[in-house]
Amino acid sequence: MERRIALKNLGLAFGYVVAAPTLLSIVQSCKNENGVAWAPEFFTDEEGKVLRKLVDIILPKTDSPSASEVNVHLFIDQYINVANTKEQKDLFRAKMSSFTSLAGSNTGKDRAQELNAEELEATLARCLQLKEEDLMANNRAMQNYTKAIAAGEIVELDVNSGAAAFARELRGWVINGYKSSEEIAKNFLAFDPIPGKFVPCGNLEELTGGRAWA
């Protein structure tokens, strides 16, 4: 429960999701039919299995559904597939490969889909708990990598930098996808399909019963 509360507070720091037409259409289409296996559009089947484990590590089931129960993994897969350029897709896949390679090196497992939730969580925690100086160094490494790729150079992404970048980006995707889902927006956040008056400053307990806005 403490982790869910911390993540909920962290989610507020990311701000609101921009309700662009593309995003809205993707959110509305992210419904997995009961009994039908998920077939990723952007990710490979192996990457999809890892993604599904990771989203539930970031937002597990507590008093509210887990991330996968509201199809956050579908949202991420479809958004990247529809809204990202080829360069952005290649970069995301390279960062994910760095993350699974790092997790595999820590466990001795060769295939990403063989990694269990505990092993993935250990690597995720390591990537998200970097010291400030390490975070800055990783950011510089990622900037140098993207510049080199844009210039047409053949370079190899540093595993630690790529893994850390993937972990931070995925956390943002999960939180935004979770808050955008119909189940969470309507039943766990304050939801008003037809907004009324604007209250710039007010008591959240009085306005929404203490719930953040969807």
Foldseek 3Di string as FASTA:
>chain_A
DVLQVVLVVVLVVLPADPPDVVLVVLLVPQDDDPPDDDCFDLDHPLVLLLLLLVQCLNANDDVHHGLVVLRLSSSVRVCCVPPPDPLVSVLLVLLVVLQLVVLCVVPVDDGSSVDHSVSSSVSLCVLQPDDPVVLVVLVVQVVVVSVCVVVVHDDHRDSSSSPSVNSVVSSNSSSNSQCSHPCCQPPPAQEDPDDDDDDPDDDCCVPRVVGHHD
